Amino acid sequence: MSAPLVVAIFTIFPDVIEAYANASILGRARRSGLLELAVHDLRAGAADARRSVDDAPFGGGPGMVLAPGPVFAAVEAAAPPRPLYLLSPSGERLDQRRCARLAELGAFSLLCGRYEGVDQRIADALVDGELSIGDYVLAGGELAALVVLEAVARLVPGVLGNEASPGEESFATGLLEYPQYTRPASFRGLEVPEVLRSGDHGRVAAWRRAMALARTLERRPDLIEARGGLSEDEVRLLAEHGYCLPAAEPPTAGASPRRARPRKERELP
């Protein structure tokens, strides 16, 4: 069995984290020993009877801020695995590559902010970095922590039933995932592509690759650009499956991506 992924999460809502982490994939991973998750209540570091963890910001302004005293105390008492990341809108953007690096580390911790944020001294002197799951604001870091936890845990060998699954999903290869179908083969006049019913594994693999490229060109051309554009083989594969780029500006290896347009009337799946 693979070494377990070891994660600690600090939050003022430990029950929220525990409830989700005991279900589905994460729950199975915990029960099988592939995920060791420790959830710590930040209020354990509070020094007053009310277990206060927040205070009004210096300089005035709306809302409250997580105070440094309780947060430092809770983290230092737990001595969690490092690195410790603060979930923050100003952090490094989480993507599949970052998830893979965290999985390779094998151990890390997450700190959930709340209210209007955290005292800057927490970011400056307690954590080792900051992570963001996107350019929007949540009420707290709990949902973001669960996103990080699940995205990383599912990369641990044995967590998913099919070991090939993580490598075939969206973003794993810099592309969106190809369309998926299941039974029945015909549903309300909508047909599963013939190639998927052919039993020819080579044709199926080529079709899936072409569909992943076409879907990414249509929906996330920035991902194609980030990987250096389309290779000549990829352009050829798209053409073989009925998709081509504008003839006036044919793409070459390393060129900026152009949008693929189907020769058929139906848009991409």
Protein backbone atom coordinates (compact mmCIF):
# COMPACT_ATOMS: atom_id res chain seq x y z
CA MET A 1 0.00 0.00 0.00
CA SER A 2 1.18 3.52 -0.77
CA ALA A 3 2.30 5.84 2.00
CA PRO A 4 -0.68 7.83 3.28
CA LEU A 5 -1.26 11.46 2.49
CA VAL A 6 -1.01 13.37 5.78
CA VAL A 7 -3.00 16.61 6.04
CA ALA A 8 -3.96 18.93 8.90
CA ILE A 9 -6.68 21.56 8.58
CA PHE A 10 -7.24 24.47 10.98
CA THR A 11 -10.73 25.96 11.07
CA ILE A 12 -13.38 27.39 13.36
CA PHE A 13 -15.83 24.89 11.81
CA PRO A 14 -14.21 21.47 12.31
CA ASP A 15 -17.55 19.68 12.01
CA VAL A 16 -18.00 21.01 8.47
CA ILE A 17 -14.65 19.58 7.40
CA GLU A 18 -15.19 16.27 9.17
CA ALA A 19 -18.65 15.74 7.70
CA TYR A 20 -17.44 16.03 4.12
CA ALA A 21 -14.13 14.26 4.69
CA ASN A 22 -15.93 11.20 6.06
CA ALA A 23 -17.98 10.75 2.89
CA SER A 24 -17.34 9.30 -0.56
CA ILE A 25 -13.76 9.17 -1.86
CA LEU A 26 -12.20 10.94 1.11
CA GLY A 27 -14.07 8.78 3.60
CA ARG A 28 -12.91 5.60 1.88
CA ALA A 29 -9.35 6.90 1.75
CA ARG A 30 -9.41 7.62 5.49
CA ARG A 31 -10.85 4.24 6.35
CA SER A 32 -8.31 2.44 4.18
CA GLY A 33 -5.38 4.33 5.69
CA LEU A 34 -4.48 6.22 2.51
CA LEU A 35 -5.44 9.58 4.02
CA GLU A 36 -4.54 10.71 7.52
CA LEU A 37 -6.52 13.88 8.21
CA ALA A 38 -6.35 15.86 11.43
CA VAL A 39 -8.89 18.67 11.84
CA HIS A 40 -8.02 21.28 14.47
CA ASP A 41 -10.39 23.83 15.99
CA LEU A 42 -8.80 27.29 15.99
CA ARG A 43 -10.86 28.13 19.05
CA ALA A 44 -8.67 25.75 21.02
CA GLY A 45 -6.05 28.50 20.92
CA ALA A 46 -8.34 31.12 22.44
CA ALA A 47 -7.42 32.44 25.87
CA ASP A 48 -10.82 33.76 27.03
CA ALA A 49 -13.94 31.98 28.27
CA ARG A 50 -15.85 32.85 25.08
CA ARG A 51 -13.14 31.22 22.96
CA SER A 52 -12.86 34.34 20.83
CA VAL A 53 -10.71 34.13 17.71
CA ASP A 54 -11.49 37.46 16.04
CA ASP A 55 -11.24 41.18 16.76
CA ALA A 56 -11.98 44.53 15.13
CA PRO A 57 -9.39 45.75 12.60
CA PHE A 58 -7.00 48.57 13.44
CA GLY A 59 -7.89 51.68 11.45
CA GLY A 60 -11.57 50.81 11.41
CA GLY A 61 -13.62 49.21 8.71
CA PRO A 62 -16.40 46.65 8.41
CA GLY A 63 -16.28 43.15 9.83
CA MET A 64 -13.85 41.32 12.05
CA VAL A 65 -10.40 39.82 11.52
CA LEU A 66 -8.91 36.56 12.78
CA ALA A 67 -6.54 37.58 15.56
CA PRO A 68 -2.95 36.31 15.68
CA GLY A 69 -2.96 35.06 19.28
CA PRO A 70 -5.47 32.20 19.00
CA VAL A 71 -4.28 31.16 15.54
CA PHE A 72 -0.59 31.05 16.50
CA ALA A 73 -1.46 29.17 19.69
CA ALA A 74 -3.60 26.57 17.92
CA VAL A 75 -1.02 25.90 15.23
CA GLU A 76 1.93 25.77 17.61
CA ALA A 77 0.11 23.38 19.98
CA ALA A 78 -0.72 21.02 17.12
CA ALA A 79 2.73 21.10 15.49
CA PRO A 80 1.21 20.20 12.08
CA PRO A 81 3.08 18.92 9.05
CA ARG A 82 4.68 21.62 6.97
CA PRO A 83 4.27 23.42 4.66
CA LEU A 84 1.27 25.22 6.11
CA TYR A 85 -0.83 27.12 3.57
CA LEU A 86 -3.33 29.88 4.22
CA LEU A 87 -6.40 29.70 1.96
CA SER A 88 -6.60 33.22 0.57
CA PRO A 89 -7.85 35.02 -2.59
CA SER A 90 -4.37 36.55 -2.89
CA GLY A 91 -2.61 33.18 -2.84
CA GLU A 92 -1.03 31.17 -5.64
CA ARG A 93 -3.71 29.79 -7.95
CA LEU A 94 -4.42 26.11 -7.44
CA ASP A 95 -4.15 24.01 -10.58
CA GLN A 96 -3.52 20.38 -11.41
CA ARG A 97 0.25 20.81 -11.39
CA ARG A 98 0.16 22.33 -7.92
CA CYS A 99 -2.08 19.48 -6.75
CA ALA A 100 0.41 16.96 -8.11
CA ARG A 101 3.26 18.68 -6.26
CA LEU A 102 1.29 18.59 -3.02
CA ALA A 103 0.57 14.91 -3.54
CA GLU A 104 4.28 14.28 -4.07
CA LEU A 105 5.08 16.11 -0.83
CA GLY A 106 2.93 13.61 1.02
CA ALA A 107 2.17 15.96 3.93
CA PHE A 108 0.97 19.55 4.32
CA SER A 109 -1.45 21.68 6.33
CA LEU A 110 -4.18 24.20 5.52
CA LEU A 111 -5.38 27.23 7.47
CA CYS A 112 -8.93 28.45 6.81
CA GLY A 113 -9.46 32.18 7.07
CA ARG A 114 -12.79 33.71 8.11
CA TYR A 115 -14.58 37.02 8.49
CA GLU A 116 -12.72 39.84 6.70
CA GLY A 117 -9.48 37.88 6.62
CA VAL A 118 -6.58 37.19 8.95
CA ASP A 119 -4.15 39.43 10.79
CA GLN A 120 -1.27 40.02 8.37
CA ARG A 121 1.21 38.70 10.92
CA ILE A 122 -0.30 35.25 10.44
CA ALA A 123 0.52 35.43 6.73
CA ASP A 124 3.94 36.93 7.36
CA ALA A 125 5.24 34.81 10.22
CA LEU A 126 3.15 31.66 10.69
CA VAL A 127 2.27 30.13 7.32
CA ASP A 128 4.62 29.01 4.56
CA GLY A 129 2.52 30.25 1.67
CA GLU A 130 -0.97 31.04 0.44
CA LEU A 131 -3.29 29.15 -1.92
CA SER A 132 -6.30 30.38 -3.89
CA ILE A 133 -8.89 28.25 -5.67
CA GLY A 134 -10.05 31.11 -7.91
CA ASP A 135 -10.74 34.78 -8.37
CA TYR A 136 -13.80 35.09 -6.17
CA VAL A 137 -14.50 35.56 -2.47
CA LEU A 138 -16.02 33.00 -0.09
CA ALA A 139 -17.21 33.52 3.46
CA GLY A 140 -14.29 31.44 4.69
CA GLY A 141 -11.59 29.00 3.74
CA GLU A 142 -13.42 25.78 4.58
CA LEU A 143 -14.80 25.10 1.09
CA ALA A 144 -11.43 25.99 -0.41
CA ALA A 145 -9.67 23.62 1.98
CA LEU A 146 -12.00 20.80 0.95
CA VAL A 147 -11.32 21.53 -2.71
CA VAL A 148 -7.57 21.28 -2.09
CA LEU A 149 -7.95 18.16 0.03
CA GLU A 150 -10.03 16.24 -2.52
CA ALA A 151 -8.05 17.40 -5.55
CA VAL A 152 -4.80 16.22 -3.96
CA ALA A 153 -6.05 13.07 -2.21
CA ARG A 154 -7.47 11.59 -5.42
CA LEU A 155 -3.95 11.65 -6.90
CA VAL A 156 -2.66 9.29 -4.20
CA PRO A 157 -2.29 5.76 -5.63
CA GLY A 158 -5.12 3.55 -4.43
CA VAL A 159 -7.56 6.33 -3.54
CA LEU A 160 -9.43 5.96 -6.84
CA GLY A 161 -10.60 2.52 -7.91
CA ASN A 162 -9.15 2.87 -11.42
CA GLU A 163 -5.48 3.85 -11.30
CA ALA A 164 -5.72 5.22 -14.87
CA SER A 165 -8.44 7.71 -13.95
CA PRO A 166 -6.32 10.65 -12.67
CA GLY A 167 -4.17 10.64 -15.80
CA GLU A 168 -7.14 10.82 -18.17
CA GLU A 169 -9.13 13.61 -16.52
CA SER A 170 -9.33 17.28 -17.39
CA PHE A 171 -6.09 19.26 -16.91
CA ALA A 172 -3.98 16.16 -16.20
CA THR A 173 -2.36 16.52 -19.64
CA GLY A 174 -3.08 20.22 -20.13
CA LEU A 175 -6.33 19.46 -21.96
CA LEU A 176 -9.98 19.18 -21.05
CA GLU A 177 -11.31 15.64 -20.85
CA TYR A 178 -12.95 13.99 -23.85
CA PRO A 179 -16.76 13.40 -23.80
CA GLN A 180 -18.01 10.35 -21.90
CA TYR A 181 -21.00 8.12 -22.71
CA THR A 182 -22.71 5.17 -21.07
CA ARG A 183 -25.68 2.88 -21.85
CA PRO A 184 -28.08 2.98 -23.59
CA ALA A 185 -26.39 3.46 -26.96
CA SER A 186 -29.46 5.36 -28.19
CA PHE A 187 -31.38 7.75 -25.92
CA ARG A 188 -34.23 9.93 -27.20
CA GLY A 189 -32.69 9.93 -30.64
CA LEU A 190 -29.23 10.84 -29.36
CA GLU A 191 -26.61 8.28 -30.35
CA VAL A 192 -23.33 7.26 -28.79
CA PRO A 193 -20.55 7.76 -31.38
CA GLU A 194 -19.99 4.60 -33.40
CA VAL A 195 -16.27 4.52 -32.65
CA LEU A 196 -16.95 3.96 -28.95
CA ARG A 197 -19.01 0.88 -29.79
CA SER A 198 -16.51 -0.53 -32.27
CA GLY A 199 -14.34 -2.45 -29.81
CA ASP A 200 -11.25 -1.05 -31.59
CA HIS A 201 -9.12 0.30 -28.75
CA GLY A 202 -6.76 2.11 -31.10
CA ARG A 203 -9.61 3.98 -32.81
CA VAL A 204 -11.17 4.79 -29.45
CA ALA A 205 -7.89 6.20 -28.09
CA ALA A 206 -7.38 8.35 -31.20
CA TRP A 207 -10.98 9.62 -31.09
CA ARG A 208 -10.68 10.52 -27.42
CA ARG A 209 -7.44 12.39 -28.04
CA ALA A 210 -8.99 14.30 -30.92
CA MET A 211 -12.09 15.17 -28.90
CA ALA A 212 -9.96 16.38 -25.97
CA LEU A 213 -8.02 18.66 -28.32
CA ALA A 214 -11.14 19.95 -30.08
CA ARG A 215 -13.03 20.57 -26.84
CA THR A 216 -10.06 22.43 -25.35
CA LEU A 217 -9.68 24.58 -28.47
CA GLU A 218 -13.35 25.52 -28.33
CA ARG A 219 -13.71 26.10 -24.59
CA ARG A 220 -10.25 26.81 -23.18
CA PRO A 221 -7.88 27.95 -25.94
CA ASP A 222 -5.66 29.43 -23.24
CA LEU A 223 -4.72 25.89 -22.22
CA ILE A 224 -3.56 25.14 -25.76
CA GLU A 225 -1.53 28.34 -25.79
CA ALA A 226 0.03 27.48 -22.41
CA ARG A 227 1.34 24.19 -23.80
CA GLY A 228 2.91 25.88 -26.83
CA GLY A 229 0.12 25.48 -29.38
CA LEU A 230 -0.74 22.45 -31.47
CA SER A 231 1.82 20.04 -32.84
CA GLU A 232 1.68 18.93 -36.48
CA ASP A 233 0.50 15.49 -35.34
CA GLU A 234 -2.33 17.06 -33.34
CA VAL A 235 -3.44 19.17 -36.30
CA ARG A 236 -3.43 16.04 -38.46
CA LEU A 237 -5.39 14.09 -35.85
CA LEU A 238 -8.03 16.82 -35.67
CA ALA A 239 -8.36 16.84 -39.46
CA GLU A 240 -8.75 13.06 -39.53
CA HIS A 241 -11.71 13.39 -37.16
CA GLY A 242 -13.50 16.11 -39.08
CA TYR A 243 -12.12 19.22 -37.44
CA CYS A 244 -9.79 21.70 -39.06
CA LEU A 245 -8.33 25.13 -38.50
CA PRO A 246 -8.90 28.08 -40.87
CA ALA A 247 -7.04 27.37 -44.11
CA ALA A 248 -5.82 30.96 -44.37
CA GLU A 249 -3.68 30.60 -41.28
CA PRO A 250 -2.74 26.95 -40.83
CA PRO A 251 -1.16 26.26 -37.45
CA THR A 252 2.32 24.86 -37.08
CA ALA A 253 4.14 23.35 -34.14
CA GLY A 254 4.60 25.99 -31.47
CA ALA A 255 2.26 28.45 -33.13
CA SER A 256 -0.48 30.24 -31.27
CA PRO A 257 -3.66 28.13 -31.23
CA ARG A 258 -6.60 28.84 -33.54
CA ARG A 259 -10.13 27.75 -32.86
CA ALA A 260 -11.07 24.42 -34.42
CA ARG A 261 -14.34 24.44 -36.36
CA PRO A 262 -16.23 21.25 -37.15
CA ARG A 263 -17.03 20.46 -40.73
CA LYS A 264 -20.33 19.11 -39.51
CA GLU A 265 -23.24 21.33 -38.52
CA ARG A 266 -23.29 19.98 -34.98
CA GLU A 267 -21.08 21.83 -32.53
CA LEU A 268 -18.45 20.04 -30.49
CA PRO A 269 -19.71 17.82 -27.67
